Amino acid sequence: MKTSMETNAFVGYSDTLSVRAGERIRFHLASDTHEQVDVKFVRVRCADADATGPGIKYRELVSPVDGAHRVEPRIAPCGSFMSVPSDPRLAPAGAFSFGCYIWPTRLLNTPQTVMARWCEDSATGYALQVTRGGVVLRVGAGAGAIELTTGVPLEQRRWYWVQGGLDPATGEMVVHQCRLADGVLPEDRHEARALRPGTWRIDSQGPLTIAAHALSVSSAYCTAHYDGKVEAPRMAAGLLNAEALRRGDDAARSGVADAALIASWDFTHGIDTLDVLDRSPIFCMACCINCLVAA
């Protein structure tokens, strides 16, 4: 039998490559364009779909899977990120600072989220992002997002300390970037400050994420994925200078609780698992999604 068929409308696969007689096999089907599919079990004699070739040839068999089945779209989310379950303590009522080390590998004109508790569909929360043009601090407000940028281009494949600070009471925003000194280049710091008082919407009600931000509160999918390395994300009370926040987890790493430290995630602990330890007193454990690579 020779026939032509629509091969791009469906995605399908089996849960195992081969089985013996009497063993179980399960088939999965999805489609973005169809709601129903007519399934037939066949023995394929030729799988060449090329129009200039012999075509697909098969013989129909009888099986329990034959008949109409409902299908729906299935999204395979791309990109790795770290996620901390929603916690009101990660949306402080007072001033707070948050930041991490980054080594970007693919900077774009569009923002990539480094650290955030931001919800895309409601434009609520806060986010620290990077672009070719610098570091961007974003906070949700009544009329949408308020942004502040350093305005200083970042270099790819260089280590930076990046940091944001927010004070809901005064409307003060602070964003900072520091290229770390290496054997070739000296340390290079840049900071921007602004007063943007108003009704800020700090609490997105969603997770805190590293290397991406949430599309919505109810969805597990993320967007604005960051390309590069990230290390030692943390958050602390108050509008801290860069050096204070960079050293803010020193006591926690030695086992001493720091009251000012809101959260401090340590990728080096349990590196053979997907769990990320929070060394702060509130112990907000995180999880790596899509196998964030650790080294």
Protein backbone atom coordinates (compact mmCIF):
# COMPACT_ATOMS: atom_id res chain seq x y z
CA MET A 1 0.00 0.00 0.00
CA LYS A 2 1.32 3.48 -0.91
CA THR A 3 -0.20 6.68 0.44
CA SER A 4 0.57 10.31 1.33
CA MET A 5 -0.26 11.81 4.69
CA GLU A 6 0.07 14.98 6.75
CA THR A 7 3.18 14.30 8.80
CA ASN A 8 3.74 17.66 10.54
CA ALA A 9 0.34 18.06 12.22
CA PHE A 10 1.07 15.60 15.01
CA VAL A 11 3.86 14.75 17.42
CA GLY A 12 3.96 11.18 18.59
CA TYR A 13 6.27 8.74 20.30
CA SER A 14 6.24 5.54 22.31
CA ASP A 15 7.47 5.22 25.88
CA THR A 16 9.89 2.46 24.88
CA LEU A 17 11.66 1.57 21.65
CA SER A 18 10.80 -2.13 21.53
CA VAL A 19 8.78 -4.77 23.38
CA ARG A 20 8.34 -8.53 23.24
CA ALA A 21 4.99 -10.20 22.65
CA GLY A 22 2.77 -9.72 25.69
CA GLU A 23 4.71 -6.71 27.05
CA ARG A 24 3.14 -3.28 27.44
CA ILE A 25 3.88 -0.22 25.29
CA ARG A 26 2.32 3.24 25.58
CA PHE A 27 1.92 5.80 22.78
CA HIS A 28 1.71 9.58 23.24
CA LEU A 29 0.18 11.97 20.70
CA ALA A 30 -0.16 15.77 20.58
CA SER A 31 -1.27 18.33 18.00
CA ASP A 32 -1.43 22.12 17.76
CA THR A 33 -3.95 22.04 14.90
CA HIS A 34 -6.23 19.03 15.56
CA GLU A 35 -8.50 18.04 18.44
CA GLN A 36 -9.03 14.46 17.36
CA VAL A 37 -7.01 11.83 15.53
CA ASP A 38 -7.98 8.51 13.98
CA VAL A 39 -5.46 5.91 15.12
CA LYS A 40 -4.62 2.72 13.30
CA PHE A 41 -1.99 0.19 14.23
CA VAL A 42 0.16 -0.69 11.21
CA ARG A 43 3.21 -2.64 10.16
CA VAL A 44 5.47 -0.29 8.22
CA ARG A 45 7.21 -1.72 5.17
CA CYS A 46 8.74 1.55 3.94
CA ALA A 47 8.96 4.83 5.91
CA ASP A 48 10.39 7.00 3.12
CA ALA A 49 8.07 10.05 2.87
CA ASP A 50 10.09 11.67 0.07
CA ALA A 51 7.79 12.59 -2.83
CA THR A 52 10.39 11.32 -5.30
CA GLY A 53 10.82 8.05 -3.47
CA PRO A 54 8.65 4.97 -3.08
CA GLY A 55 6.50 6.67 -0.41
CA ILE A 56 5.27 5.35 2.91
CA LYS A 57 4.10 1.77 2.62
CA TYR A 58 2.40 -0.14 5.41
CA ARG A 59 -0.14 -2.87 6.18
CA GLU A 60 -2.97 -2.21 8.60
CA LEU A 61 -3.32 -4.51 11.59
CA VAL A 62 -6.05 -4.86 14.21
CA SER A 63 -5.31 -3.61 17.74
CA PRO A 64 -7.04 -2.17 20.86
CA VAL A 65 -5.71 1.33 20.08
CA ASP A 66 -7.62 1.59 16.79
CA GLY A 67 -10.23 4.36 16.60
CA ALA A 68 -10.71 8.04 17.38
CA HIS A 69 -8.66 9.62 20.18
CA ARG A 70 -8.66 13.16 21.53
CA VAL A 71 -5.39 15.12 21.24
CA GLU A 72 -4.29 18.53 22.49
CA PRO A 73 -1.22 20.77 22.32
CA ARG A 74 1.71 19.82 24.53
CA ILE A 75 4.46 22.36 25.15
CA ALA A 76 8.01 21.24 25.84
CA PRO A 77 9.43 24.17 27.84
CA CYS A 78 12.98 25.13 26.88
CA GLY A 79 15.63 26.65 29.10
CA SER A 80 17.01 25.93 32.55
CA PHE A 81 16.20 27.97 35.63
CA MET A 82 15.99 27.81 39.41
CA SER A 83 12.64 28.19 41.14
CA VAL A 84 11.68 28.99 44.73
CA PRO A 85 8.01 28.36 45.65
CA SER A 86 5.90 31.44 46.30
CA ASP A 87 6.67 32.90 49.73
CA PRO A 88 5.49 36.32 51.01
CA ARG A 89 8.82 36.81 52.78
CA LEU A 90 10.39 37.19 49.31
CA ALA A 91 8.33 40.34 48.76
CA PRO A 92 9.45 42.45 51.75
CA ALA A 93 7.37 45.43 52.85
CA GLY A 94 10.53 47.41 53.60
CA ALA A 95 13.65 48.20 51.61
CA PHE A 96 15.63 45.25 50.28
CA SER A 97 18.53 44.43 47.98
CA PHE A 98 19.14 41.39 45.80
CA GLY A 99 21.90 40.30 43.46
CA CYS A 100 24.27 37.60 42.21
CA TYR A 101 27.41 36.92 40.17
CA ILE A 102 26.94 36.40 36.44
CA TRP A 103 29.07 35.40 33.42
CA PRO A 104 26.87 36.15 30.37
CA THR A 105 27.54 34.23 27.16
CA ARG A 106 24.88 35.54 24.75
CA LEU A 107 23.75 39.08 25.45
CA LEU A 108 20.88 40.43 23.35
CA ASN A 109 19.01 43.71 22.97
CA THR A 110 15.98 42.03 24.57
CA PRO A 111 16.20 41.58 28.37
CA GLN A 112 17.27 38.29 29.92
CA THR A 113 16.17 37.77 33.51
CA VAL A 114 18.91 36.99 36.00
CA MET A 115 16.93 37.07 39.26
CA ALA A 116 13.27 37.88 39.72
CA ARG A 117 9.98 37.45 41.44
CA TRP A 118 8.19 38.75 38.37
CA CYS A 119 4.96 37.65 36.67
CA GLU A 120 4.80 38.43 32.95
CA ASP A 121 1.03 38.48 32.43
CA SER A 122 0.23 40.72 35.41
CA ALA A 123 3.42 42.87 35.23
CA THR A 124 3.86 42.55 38.99
CA GLY A 125 6.87 41.89 41.19
CA TYR A 126 10.52 42.80 40.66
CA ALA A 127 13.27 41.65 38.32
CA LEU A 128 16.98 42.10 37.66
CA GLN A 129 17.74 41.71 33.96
CA VAL A 130 20.67 42.06 31.57
CA THR A 131 20.92 43.30 27.99
CA ARG A 132 23.75 44.36 25.70
CA GLY A 133 23.18 47.88 27.00
CA GLY A 134 23.55 47.13 30.72
CA VAL A 135 21.70 45.90 33.79
CA VAL A 136 17.99 46.67 34.17
CA LEU A 137 16.00 46.82 37.42
CA ARG A 138 12.25 46.43 36.98
CA VAL A 139 9.38 46.79 39.48
CA GLY A 140 5.65 46.43 38.99
CA ALA A 141 3.51 49.55 39.39
CA GLY A 142 -0.09 50.62 38.85
CA ALA A 143 0.49 51.72 35.26
CA GLY A 144 2.82 48.83 34.35
CA ALA A 145 6.52 48.34 34.94
CA ILE A 146 8.99 50.96 36.14
CA GLU A 147 12.56 50.42 34.92
CA LEU A 148 15.98 51.76 35.79
CA THR A 149 19.15 50.83 33.89
CA THR A 150 22.85 51.36 34.39
CA GLY A 151 23.11 52.23 30.70
CA VAL A 152 26.63 50.79 30.51
CA PRO A 153 27.18 47.93 28.05
CA LEU A 154 28.12 44.52 29.44
CA GLU A 155 30.82 42.31 27.98
CA GLN A 156 30.23 38.66 27.24
CA ARG A 157 32.30 36.01 29.04
CA ARG A 158 33.34 38.32 31.88
CA TRP A 159 32.39 37.90 35.53
CA TYR A 160 30.12 40.60 36.97
CA TRP A 161 28.41 41.29 40.24
CA VAL A 162 24.89 42.65 39.48
CA GLN A 163 22.52 44.03 42.09
CA GLY A 164 19.20 45.78 42.50
CA GLY A 165 17.68 47.62 45.45
CA LEU A 166 14.10 48.75 46.11
CA ASP A 167 12.46 50.83 48.84
CA PRO A 168 8.65 50.77 48.48
CA ALA A 169 8.23 53.45 51.17
CA THR A 170 10.32 56.13 49.44
CA GLY A 171 10.22 54.93 45.83
CA GLU A 172 14.01 54.68 45.68
CA MET A 173 15.52 52.33 43.09
CA VAL A 174 19.20 51.38 42.83
CA VAL A 175 20.83 49.21 40.16
CA HIS A 176 24.50 48.28 40.13
CA GLN A 177 26.95 46.39 37.92
CA CYS A 178 30.58 45.61 38.67
CA ARG A 179 32.92 43.88 36.26
CA LEU A 180 35.24 41.89 38.47
CA ALA A 181 38.97 42.38 38.15
CA ASP A 182 40.94 39.66 36.39
CA GLY A 183 44.44 39.24 35.04
CA VAL A 184 43.71 41.60 32.13
CA LEU A 185 41.10 44.17 33.15
CA PRO A 186 40.60 46.11 36.41
CA GLU A 187 37.36 46.26 38.38
CA ASP A 188 34.78 48.51 36.75
CA ARG A 189 31.73 49.71 38.74
CA HIS A 190 28.62 51.56 37.57
CA GLU A 191 25.47 52.46 39.49
CA ALA A 192 22.20 54.27 38.79
CA ARG A 193 19.73 55.68 41.32
CA ALA A 194 16.26 57.15 40.92
CA LEU A 195 13.22 58.13 42.96
CA ARG A 196 10.04 56.67 41.45
CA PRO A 197 7.43 56.95 44.21
CA GLY A 198 4.01 55.47 43.62
CA THR A 199 1.97 52.35 44.18
CA TRP A 200 4.44 49.55 43.61
CA ARG A 201 3.21 45.99 43.14
CA ILE A 202 6.11 44.12 44.72
CA ASP A 203 4.36 40.80 45.35
CA SER A 204 3.76 38.86 42.11
CA GLN A 205 2.22 35.97 44.10
CA GLY A 206 4.45 33.67 42.06
CA PRO A 207 7.81 31.94 42.49
CA LEU A 208 11.19 33.60 42.79
CA THR A 209 13.30 32.48 39.84
CA ILE A 210 16.90 32.57 38.74
CA ALA A 211 17.80 32.71 35.01
CA ALA A 212 14.20 33.32 33.85
CA HIS A 213 10.88 34.68 35.13
CA ALA A 214 7.35 33.27 35.35
CA LEU A 215 4.80 33.74 32.57
CA SER A 216 1.92 33.65 35.06
CA VAL A 217 1.10 32.65 38.62
CA SER A 218 -0.73 29.51 37.53
CA SER A 219 1.73 28.40 34.84
CA ALA A 220 4.93 26.44 35.36
CA TYR A 221 6.42 27.96 32.22
CA CYS A 222 9.01 30.73 32.20
CA THR A 223 10.32 33.26 29.71
CA ALA A 224 13.23 35.71 29.21
CA HIS A 225 15.77 32.95 29.83
CA TYR A 226 19.30 34.03 30.67
CA ASP A 227 22.28 32.56 28.78
CA GLY A 228 25.41 32.20 30.88
CA LYS A 229 26.66 31.31 34.34
CA VAL A 230 25.11 32.50 37.58
CA GLU A 231 26.43 32.10 41.10
CA ALA A 232 25.49 32.89 44.71
CA PRO A 233 22.10 34.68 44.38
CA ARG A 234 20.99 36.32 47.60
CA MET A 235 18.63 38.90 49.12
CA ALA A 236 18.98 41.07 52.22
CA ALA A 237 17.05 43.74 54.07
CA GLY A 238 17.91 47.38 53.42
CA LEU A 239 19.41 49.30 50.51
CA LEU A 240 22.91 47.88 50.80
CA ASN A 241 25.99 48.92 48.89
CA ALA A 242 27.46 46.33 46.57
CA GLU A 243 30.25 45.26 48.89
CA ALA A 244 27.87 44.73 51.82
CA LEU A 245 25.54 42.47 49.82
CA ARG A 246 28.45 40.57 48.23
CA ARG A 247 29.73 39.74 51.72
CA GLY A 248 26.26 39.31 53.18
CA ASP A 249 26.41 35.52 53.14
CA ASP A 250 29.82 35.16 54.82
CA ALA A 251 28.31 34.45 58.23
CA ALA A 252 25.65 32.12 56.81
CA ARG A 253 28.26 29.99 55.01
CA SER A 254 30.07 29.48 58.31
CA GLY A 255 26.81 28.46 60.02
CA VAL A 256 26.00 31.75 61.78
CA ALA A 257 22.52 33.19 61.18
CA ASP A 258 22.42 36.77 59.87
CA ALA A 259 19.17 38.56 60.70
CA ALA A 260 19.52 40.92 57.72
CA LEU A 261 19.88 38.07 55.24
CA ILE A 262 16.51 37.24 53.68
CA ALA A 263 17.78 34.44 51.42
CA SER A 264 21.11 33.07 50.17
CA TRP A 265 21.15 30.12 47.76
CA ASP A 266 24.25 27.94 47.58
CA PHE A 267 24.70 25.94 44.36
CA THR A 268 27.77 24.17 45.74
CA HIS A 269 25.76 22.27 48.39
CA GLY A 270 24.22 19.03 47.13
CA ILE A 271 25.66 19.60 43.68
CA ASP A 272 24.67 16.06 42.63
CA THR A 273 20.95 16.88 43.17
CA LEU A 274 18.43 19.34 41.74
CA ASP A 275 17.84 20.94 45.15
CA VAL A 276 19.47 24.25 46.08
CA LEU A 277 20.11 25.05 49.73
CA ASP A 278 19.10 28.41 51.21
CA ARG A 279 21.57 29.29 53.97
CA SER A 280 19.44 32.10 55.40
CA PRO A 281 17.32 31.80 58.58
CA ILE A 282 14.05 31.46 56.59
CA PHE A 283 15.35 28.40 54.69
CA CYS A 284 13.60 28.89 51.31
CA MET A 285 14.75 25.79 49.46
CA ALA A 286 14.91 25.99 45.66
CA CYS A 287 14.83 23.49 42.83
CA CYS A 288 16.61 23.46 39.46
CA ILE A 289 14.29 22.96 36.49
CA ASN A 290 15.39 21.31 33.23
CA CYS A 291 18.70 20.25 34.79
CA LEU A 292 20.48 23.56 35.34
CA VAL A 293 24.13 22.62 34.84
CA ALA A 294 26.34 22.78 37.93
CA ALA A 295 30.12 22.49 37.94
